[in-house]
């Protein structure tokens, strides 16, 4: 009595591996791009939160910095986040010597530091949004 072979041939296994490799080579970069895009949204949200805090301070005291003599509110502008929610960006800000302008910056860190498309986000008191990176348009990042 003759037995029929059971299992897979080497050719069948190689074809399967090639198909999986092709799918992975397409899916992984796309997935990575979407992850970086969601982290950018986290950075912009943190910058907008910081801007809102600074604007509240300016509304109360006509200055963006609590070191100005007219400012008696010790908590102003305290609360500007130091990092984005999950820590992918560090957030810092600077207030001009006139106390009437500011610039917020989100700098990528950890795994987001290799995102060359948008890199550093900036936002100022006039609402001007900029970025450094290879993206051609600000709307690609913001």
N, C-alpha and C. Protein backbone atom coordinates (compact mmCIF):
# COMPACT_ATOMS: atom_id res chain seq x y z
N UNK A 1 0.83 -1.18 0.00
CA UNK A 1 0.00 0.00 0.00
C UNK A 1 0.88 1.25 0.00
N UNK A 2 0.50 2.15 -0.82
CA UNK A 2 1.27 3.36 -1.01
C UNK A 2 0.76 4.47 -0.10
N UNK A 3 1.69 5.17 0.57
CA UNK A 3 1.30 6.28 1.47
C UNK A 3 1.41 7.60 0.74
N UNK A 4 0.42 8.44 0.94
CA UNK A 4 0.48 9.78 0.37
C UNK A 4 1.26 10.67 1.33
N UNK A 5 2.16 11.46 0.79
CA UNK A 5 2.95 12.33 1.67
C UNK A 5 2.06 13.39 2.34
N UNK A 6 2.38 13.63 3.59
CA UNK A 6 1.65 14.66 4.35
C UNK A 6 2.61 15.80 4.64
N UNK A 7 2.09 16.99 4.68
CA UNK A 7 2.93 18.15 4.98
C UNK A 7 3.09 19.06 3.79
N UNK A 8 4.03 20.00 3.95
CA UNK A 8 4.26 21.01 2.92
C UNK A 8 5.60 20.75 2.25
N UNK A 9 5.67 21.10 1.00
CA UNK A 9 6.95 21.00 0.30
C UNK A 9 7.76 22.26 0.58
N UNK A 10 9.02 22.18 0.29
CA UNK A 10 9.90 23.33 0.50
C UNK A 10 9.47 24.51 -0.37
N UNK A 11 9.04 24.25 -1.57
CA UNK A 11 8.58 25.32 -2.47
C UNK A 11 7.37 26.02 -1.88
N UNK A 12 6.42 25.27 -1.36
CA UNK A 12 5.23 25.89 -0.76
C UNK A 12 5.61 26.77 0.42
N UNK A 13 6.53 26.31 1.25
CA UNK A 13 6.98 27.12 2.38
C UNK A 13 7.69 28.40 1.92
N UNK A 14 8.52 28.29 0.92
CA UNK A 14 9.24 29.46 0.40
C UNK A 14 8.28 30.49 -0.21
N UNK A 15 7.28 30.03 -0.93
CA UNK A 15 6.29 30.94 -1.51
C UNK A 15 5.55 31.67 -0.39
N UNK A 16 5.18 30.96 0.66
CA UNK A 16 4.49 31.57 1.79
C UNK A 16 5.37 32.61 2.47
N UNK A 17 6.63 32.29 2.66
CA UNK A 17 7.56 33.24 3.30
C UNK A 17 7.73 34.49 2.45
N UNK A 18 7.83 34.33 1.15
CA UNK A 18 7.97 35.49 0.25
C UNK A 18 6.73 36.37 0.32
N UNK A 19 5.56 35.78 0.34
CA UNK A 19 4.31 36.55 0.42
C UNK A 19 4.25 37.32 1.73
N UNK A 20 4.58 36.67 2.84
CA UNK A 20 4.58 37.34 4.15
C UNK A 20 5.60 38.48 4.17
N UNK A 21 6.77 38.26 3.59
CA UNK A 21 7.81 39.30 3.56
C UNK A 21 7.36 40.51 2.75
N UNK A 22 6.71 40.28 1.64
CA UNK A 22 6.21 41.40 0.81
C UNK A 22 5.15 42.18 1.56
N UNK A 23 4.23 41.48 2.20
CA UNK A 23 3.18 42.17 2.97
C UNK A 23 3.79 42.96 4.13
N UNK A 24 4.77 42.39 4.81
CA UNK A 24 5.42 43.08 5.93
C UNK A 24 6.17 44.31 5.45
N UNK A 25 6.82 44.22 4.29
CA UNK A 25 7.58 45.37 3.79
C UNK A 25 6.67 46.54 3.42
N UNK A 26 5.42 46.27 3.16
CA UNK A 26 4.45 47.33 2.86
C UNK A 26 3.78 47.81 4.14
N UNK A 27 3.41 46.89 5.01
CA UNK A 27 2.62 47.23 6.19
C UNK A 27 3.43 47.93 7.28
N UNK A 28 4.64 47.50 7.53
CA UNK A 28 5.41 48.07 8.64
C UNK A 28 5.72 49.55 8.45
N UNK A 29 6.22 50.00 7.30
CA UNK A 29 6.44 51.45 7.14
C UNK A 29 5.14 52.26 7.23
N UNK A 30 4.07 51.72 6.71
CA UNK A 30 2.78 52.42 6.79
C UNK A 30 2.33 52.54 8.25
N UNK A 31 2.47 51.47 8.99
CA UNK A 31 2.11 51.46 10.41
C UNK A 31 2.97 52.46 11.18
N UNK A 32 4.27 52.45 10.93
CA UNK A 32 5.18 53.38 11.60
C UNK A 32 4.81 54.83 11.29
N UNK A 33 4.45 55.11 10.05
CA UNK A 33 4.04 56.46 9.67
C UNK A 33 2.79 56.91 10.41
N UNK A 34 1.85 56.01 10.58
CA UNK A 34 0.62 56.36 11.31
C UNK A 34 0.90 56.58 12.79
N UNK A 35 1.79 55.80 13.36
CA UNK A 35 2.17 55.99 14.77
C UNK A 35 2.82 57.37 14.95
N UNK A 36 3.74 57.73 14.06
CA UNK A 36 4.39 59.03 14.16
C UNK A 36 3.38 60.16 13.99
N UNK A 37 2.43 59.97 13.11
CA UNK A 37 1.40 60.99 12.89
C UNK A 37 0.56 61.19 14.15
N UNK A 38 0.21 60.10 14.84
CA UNK A 38 -0.58 60.24 16.07
C UNK A 38 0.24 60.91 17.17
N UNK A 39 1.53 60.64 17.21
CA UNK A 39 2.38 61.30 18.20
C UNK A 39 2.52 62.79 17.90
N UNK A 40 2.53 63.16 16.63
CA UNK A 40 2.56 64.59 16.26
C UNK A 40 1.30 65.28 16.76
N UNK A 41 0.17 64.61 16.66
CA UNK A 41 -1.09 65.19 17.16
C UNK A 41 -1.00 65.43 18.66
N UNK A 42 -0.33 64.54 19.36
CA UNK A 42 -0.13 64.71 20.80
C UNK A 42 0.71 65.96 21.08
N UNK A 43 1.73 66.19 20.25
CA UNK A 43 2.59 67.37 20.42
C UNK A 43 1.81 68.65 20.17
N UNK A 44 1.03 68.68 19.10
CA UNK A 44 0.28 69.89 18.80
C UNK A 44 -0.77 70.17 19.87
N UNK A 45 -1.37 69.13 20.42
CA UNK A 45 -2.34 69.32 21.50
C UNK A 45 -1.66 69.91 22.73
N UNK A 46 -0.46 69.46 23.03
CA UNK A 46 0.28 70.00 24.18
C UNK A 46 0.66 71.46 23.96
N UNK A 47 1.04 71.80 22.73
CA UNK A 47 1.35 73.20 22.43
C UNK A 47 0.12 74.09 22.56
N UNK A 48 -1.00 73.61 22.09
CA UNK A 48 -2.23 74.40 22.20
C UNK A 48 -2.67 74.56 23.65
N UNK A 49 -2.44 73.54 24.46
CA UNK A 49 -2.73 73.64 25.89
C UNK A 49 -1.83 74.69 26.53
N UNK A 50 -0.55 74.65 26.20
CA UNK A 50 0.38 75.66 26.72
C UNK A 50 0.01 77.06 26.29
N UNK A 51 -0.39 77.21 25.04
CA UNK A 51 -0.80 78.53 24.54
C UNK A 51 -2.02 79.04 25.29
N UNK A 52 -2.95 78.15 25.56
CA UNK A 52 -4.15 78.55 26.30
C UNK A 52 -3.79 79.03 27.71
N UNK A 53 -2.88 78.36 28.36
CA UNK A 53 -2.45 78.76 29.71
C UNK A 53 -1.75 80.12 29.66
N UNK A 54 -0.88 80.31 28.68
CA UNK A 54 -0.18 81.59 28.55
C UNK A 54 -1.15 82.72 28.21
N UNK A 55 -2.13 82.46 27.38
CA UNK A 55 -3.11 83.50 27.03
C UNK A 55 -3.97 83.87 28.23
N UNK A 56 -4.31 82.89 29.07
CA UNK A 56 -5.06 83.21 30.29
C UNK A 56 -4.24 84.12 31.20
N UNK A 57 -2.97 83.83 31.31
CA UNK A 57 -2.08 84.67 32.11
C UNK A 57 -2.03 86.09 31.55
N UNK A 58 -1.93 86.19 30.22
CA UNK A 58 -1.86 87.51 29.59
C UNK A 58 -3.18 88.27 29.79
N UNK A 59 -4.28 87.57 29.72
CA UNK A 59 -5.58 88.21 29.91
C UNK A 59 -5.70 88.80 31.32
N UNK A 60 -5.19 88.08 32.32
CA UNK A 60 -5.28 88.54 33.70
C UNK A 60 -4.27 89.65 34.02
N UNK A 61 -3.07 89.57 33.43
CA UNK A 61 -1.98 90.43 33.88
C UNK A 61 -1.30 91.24 32.78
N UNK A 62 -1.76 91.15 31.57
CA UNK A 62 -1.15 91.78 30.39
C UNK A 62 0.34 91.48 30.27
N UNK A 63 0.72 90.31 30.71
CA UNK A 63 2.09 89.82 30.57
C UNK A 63 2.05 88.30 30.49
N UNK A 64 3.01 87.73 29.78
CA UNK A 64 3.05 86.28 29.66
C UNK A 64 3.93 85.62 30.72
N UNK A 65 4.61 86.42 31.53
CA UNK A 65 5.58 85.85 32.46
C UNK A 65 5.28 86.29 33.88
N UNK A 66 5.36 85.36 34.83
CA UNK A 66 5.06 85.71 36.21
C UNK A 66 6.18 86.48 36.90
N UNK A 67 7.30 86.70 36.23
CA UNK A 67 8.37 87.48 36.85
C UNK A 67 8.18 88.98 36.65
N UNK A 68 7.17 89.36 35.88
CA UNK A 68 6.91 90.79 35.68
C UNK A 68 6.40 91.40 36.98
N UNK A 69 6.79 92.62 37.32
CA UNK A 69 6.42 93.23 38.60
C UNK A 69 4.92 93.34 38.82
N UNK A 70 4.13 93.55 37.78
CA UNK A 70 2.69 93.74 37.95
C UNK A 70 1.97 92.43 38.24
N UNK A 71 2.64 91.32 38.07
CA UNK A 71 2.00 90.02 38.22
C UNK A 71 2.13 89.54 39.66
N UNK A 72 1.01 89.43 40.34
CA UNK A 72 1.03 88.95 41.72
C UNK A 72 0.52 87.52 41.82
N UNK A 73 0.15 86.92 40.72
CA UNK A 73 -0.36 85.54 40.70
C UNK A 73 0.82 84.59 40.54
N UNK A 74 1.19 83.91 41.63
CA UNK A 74 2.37 83.03 41.59
C UNK A 74 2.17 81.83 40.67
N UNK A 75 0.94 81.50 40.33
CA UNK A 75 0.68 80.35 39.48
C UNK A 75 0.64 80.69 38.00
N UNK A 76 0.92 81.90 37.65
CA UNK A 76 0.83 82.31 36.25
C UNK A 76 2.22 82.35 35.66
N UNK A 77 2.51 81.72 34.60
CA UNK A 77 1.79 80.81 33.75
C UNK A 77 2.05 79.34 34.09
N UNK A 78 2.11 79.00 35.33
CA UNK A 78 2.36 77.62 35.73
C UNK A 78 1.32 76.68 35.12
N UNK A 79 1.75 75.51 34.77
CA UNK A 79 0.84 74.54 34.17
C UNK A 79 1.14 74.25 32.72
N UNK A 80 2.06 75.01 32.12
CA UNK A 80 2.47 74.69 30.75
C UNK A 80 3.16 73.34 30.81
N UNK A 81 2.68 72.37 30.03
CA UNK A 81 3.24 71.02 30.15
C UNK A 81 4.72 70.98 29.78
N UNK A 82 5.50 70.17 30.51
CA UNK A 82 6.93 70.01 30.22
C UNK A 82 7.15 68.96 29.13
N UNK A 83 6.21 68.03 29.03
CA UNK A 83 6.28 67.00 27.99
C UNK A 83 4.87 66.78 27.45
N UNK A 84 4.81 66.16 26.28
CA UNK A 84 3.50 65.79 25.76
C UNK A 84 2.94 64.67 26.64
N UNK A 85 1.69 64.34 26.46
CA UNK A 85 1.00 63.42 27.36
C UNK A 85 1.74 62.10 27.58
N UNK A 86 2.24 61.51 26.54
CA UNK A 86 2.94 60.23 26.66
C UNK A 86 4.46 60.36 26.59
N UNK A 87 4.96 61.58 26.61
CA UNK A 87 6.38 61.82 26.69
C UNK A 87 7.15 61.73 25.38
N UNK A 88 6.47 61.78 24.26
CA UNK A 88 7.17 61.69 22.97
C UNK A 88 7.79 63.02 22.56
N UNK A 89 7.35 64.12 23.15
CA UNK A 89 7.89 65.45 22.86
C UNK A 89 8.16 66.17 24.17
N UNK A 90 9.25 66.93 24.22
CA UNK A 90 9.46 67.82 25.36
C UNK A 90 8.94 69.20 24.94
N UNK A 91 8.26 69.84 25.85
CA UNK A 91 7.63 71.14 25.58
C UNK A 91 8.37 72.21 26.38
N UNK A 92 8.77 73.27 25.72
CA UNK A 92 9.34 74.41 26.44
C UNK A 92 8.84 75.69 25.79
N UNK A 93 8.99 76.77 26.52
CA UNK A 93 8.55 78.06 25.98
C UNK A 93 9.51 79.14 26.42
N UNK A 94 9.52 80.21 25.65
CA UNK A 94 10.31 81.38 26.02
C UNK A 94 9.43 82.61 25.85
N UNK A 95 9.61 83.55 26.76
CA UNK A 95 8.87 84.81 26.71
C UNK A 95 9.89 85.91 26.40
N UNK A 96 9.56 86.77 25.46
CA UNK A 96 10.46 87.86 25.07
C UNK A 96 10.62 88.84 26.23
N UNK A 97 11.67 89.62 26.20
CA UNK A 97 11.94 90.57 27.28
C UNK A 97 10.83 91.60 27.43
N UNK A 98 10.06 91.84 26.38
CA UNK A 98 8.94 92.78 26.47
C UNK A 98 7.75 92.19 27.22
N UNK A 99 7.78 90.89 27.48
CA UNK A 99 6.72 90.15 28.17
C UNK A 99 5.42 90.08 27.37
N UNK A 100 5.46 90.46 26.10
CA UNK A 100 4.22 90.48 25.30
C UNK A 100 4.24 89.47 24.16
N UNK A 101 5.29 88.71 24.03
CA UNK A 101 5.33 87.66 23.00
C UNK A 101 5.94 86.40 23.60
N UNK A 102 5.54 85.26 23.06
CA UNK A 102 6.11 83.99 23.50
C UNK A 102 6.27 83.06 22.31
N UNK A 103 7.07 82.05 22.50
CA UNK A 103 7.23 80.98 21.52
C UNK A 103 7.23 79.66 22.28
N UNK A 104 6.32 78.79 21.91
CA UNK A 104 6.26 77.43 22.46
C UNK A 104 6.94 76.49 21.47
N UNK A 105 7.70 75.51 21.99
CA UNK A 105 8.38 74.54 21.14
C UNK A 105 8.11 73.13 21.63
N UNK A 106 7.89 72.23 20.69
CA UNK A 106 7.78 70.80 21.00
C UNK A 106 8.92 70.10 20.26
N UNK A 107 9.82 69.52 21.02
CA UNK A 107 11.00 68.85 20.45
C UNK A 107 10.84 67.34 20.62
N UNK A 108 10.99 66.57 19.55
CA UNK A 108 10.79 65.12 19.66
C UNK A 108 11.88 64.47 20.51
N UNK A 109 11.49 63.44 21.23
CA UNK A 109 12.44 62.67 22.02
C UNK A 109 12.06 61.20 21.98
N UNK A 110 12.93 60.37 22.49
CA UNK A 110 12.73 58.92 22.50
C UNK A 110 12.51 58.40 21.08
N UNK A 111 11.54 57.56 20.87
CA UNK A 111 11.30 56.96 19.56
C UNK A 111 10.82 57.92 18.50
N UNK A 112 10.32 59.07 18.90
CA UNK A 112 9.82 60.04 17.93
C UNK A 112 10.95 60.88 17.34
N UNK A 113 12.13 60.81 17.92
CA UNK A 113 13.24 61.64 17.46
C UNK A 113 13.68 61.31 16.04
N UNK A 114 13.32 60.14 15.53
CA UNK A 114 13.70 59.80 14.15
C UNK A 114 12.63 60.18 13.13
N UNK A 115 11.64 60.95 13.55
CA UNK A 115 10.62 61.45 12.62
C UNK A 115 11.17 62.69 11.92
N UNK A 116 11.76 62.51 10.77
CA UNK A 116 12.37 63.62 10.06
C UNK A 116 11.37 64.50 9.33
N UNK A 117 10.12 64.08 9.24
CA UNK A 117 9.14 64.83 8.46
C UNK A 117 8.77 66.15 9.13
N UNK A 118 8.56 66.14 10.43
CA UNK A 118 8.07 67.36 11.09
C UNK A 118 8.99 67.88 12.19
N UNK A 119 9.76 67.06 12.82
CA UNK A 119 10.73 67.42 13.86
C UNK A 119 10.18 68.39 14.91
N UNK A 120 10.70 69.62 14.96
CA UNK A 120 10.35 70.56 16.03
C UNK A 120 9.15 71.42 15.61
N UNK A 121 8.13 71.45 16.46
CA UNK A 121 6.95 72.28 16.23
C UNK A 121 7.10 73.57 17.03
N UNK A 122 6.68 74.69 16.47
CA UNK A 122 6.66 75.95 17.22
C UNK A 122 5.32 76.64 17.04
N UNK A 123 4.94 77.37 18.07
CA UNK A 123 3.70 78.14 18.08
C UNK A 123 3.97 79.42 18.83
N UNK A 124 3.54 80.56 18.28
CA UNK A 124 3.77 81.82 18.99
C UNK A 124 2.44 82.47 19.38
N UNK A 125 2.53 83.65 20.01
CA UNK A 125 1.34 84.33 20.52
C UNK A 125 0.40 84.76 19.42
N UNK A 126 0.89 84.91 18.20
CA UNK A 126 0.04 85.32 17.08
C UNK A 126 -0.64 84.11 16.43
N UNK A 127 -0.34 82.92 16.92
CA UNK A 127 -0.93 81.71 16.35
C UNK A 127 -0.15 81.16 15.17
N UNK A 128 1.04 81.71 14.91
CA UNK A 128 1.86 81.23 13.80
C UNK A 128 2.41 79.85 14.13
N UNK A 129 2.11 78.89 13.28
CA UNK A 129 2.54 77.51 13.47
C UNK A 129 3.62 77.18 12.46
N UNK A 130 4.75 76.69 12.95
CA UNK A 130 5.84 76.31 12.06
C UNK A 130 6.38 74.95 12.49
N UNK A 131 7.25 74.40 11.65
CA UNK A 131 7.93 73.15 11.97
C UNK A 131 9.28 73.13 11.28
N UNK A 132 10.15 72.30 11.78
CA UNK A 132 11.40 72.05 11.07
C UNK A 132 11.36 70.59 10.65
N UNK A 133 11.73 70.32 9.46
CA UNK A 133 11.68 68.96 8.94
C UNK A 133 11.50 68.98 7.44
N UNK A 134 11.26 67.81 6.87
CA UNK A 134 11.20 67.69 5.42
C UNK A 134 9.81 67.92 4.84
N UNK A 135 8.79 68.03 5.68
CA UNK A 135 7.43 68.24 5.18
C UNK A 135 7.35 69.57 4.43
N UNK A 136 6.73 69.54 3.27
CA UNK A 136 6.67 70.73 2.42
C UNK A 136 5.72 71.78 2.96
N UNK A 137 4.68 71.38 3.65
CA UNK A 137 3.64 72.30 4.09
C UNK A 137 3.39 72.13 5.58
N UNK A 138 3.09 73.23 6.27
CA UNK A 138 2.78 73.18 7.69
C UNK A 138 1.58 72.29 7.96
N UNK A 139 0.61 72.29 7.05
CA UNK A 139 -0.60 71.48 7.27
C UNK A 139 -0.29 69.98 7.27
N UNK A 140 0.85 69.57 6.72
CA UNK A 140 1.24 68.16 6.80
C UNK A 140 1.58 67.76 8.22
N UNK A 141 1.97 68.72 9.03
CA UNK A 141 2.36 68.44 10.41
C UNK A 141 1.31 68.88 11.42
N UNK A 142 0.72 70.02 11.18
CA UNK A 142 -0.27 70.55 12.12
C UNK A 142 -1.62 70.07 11.68
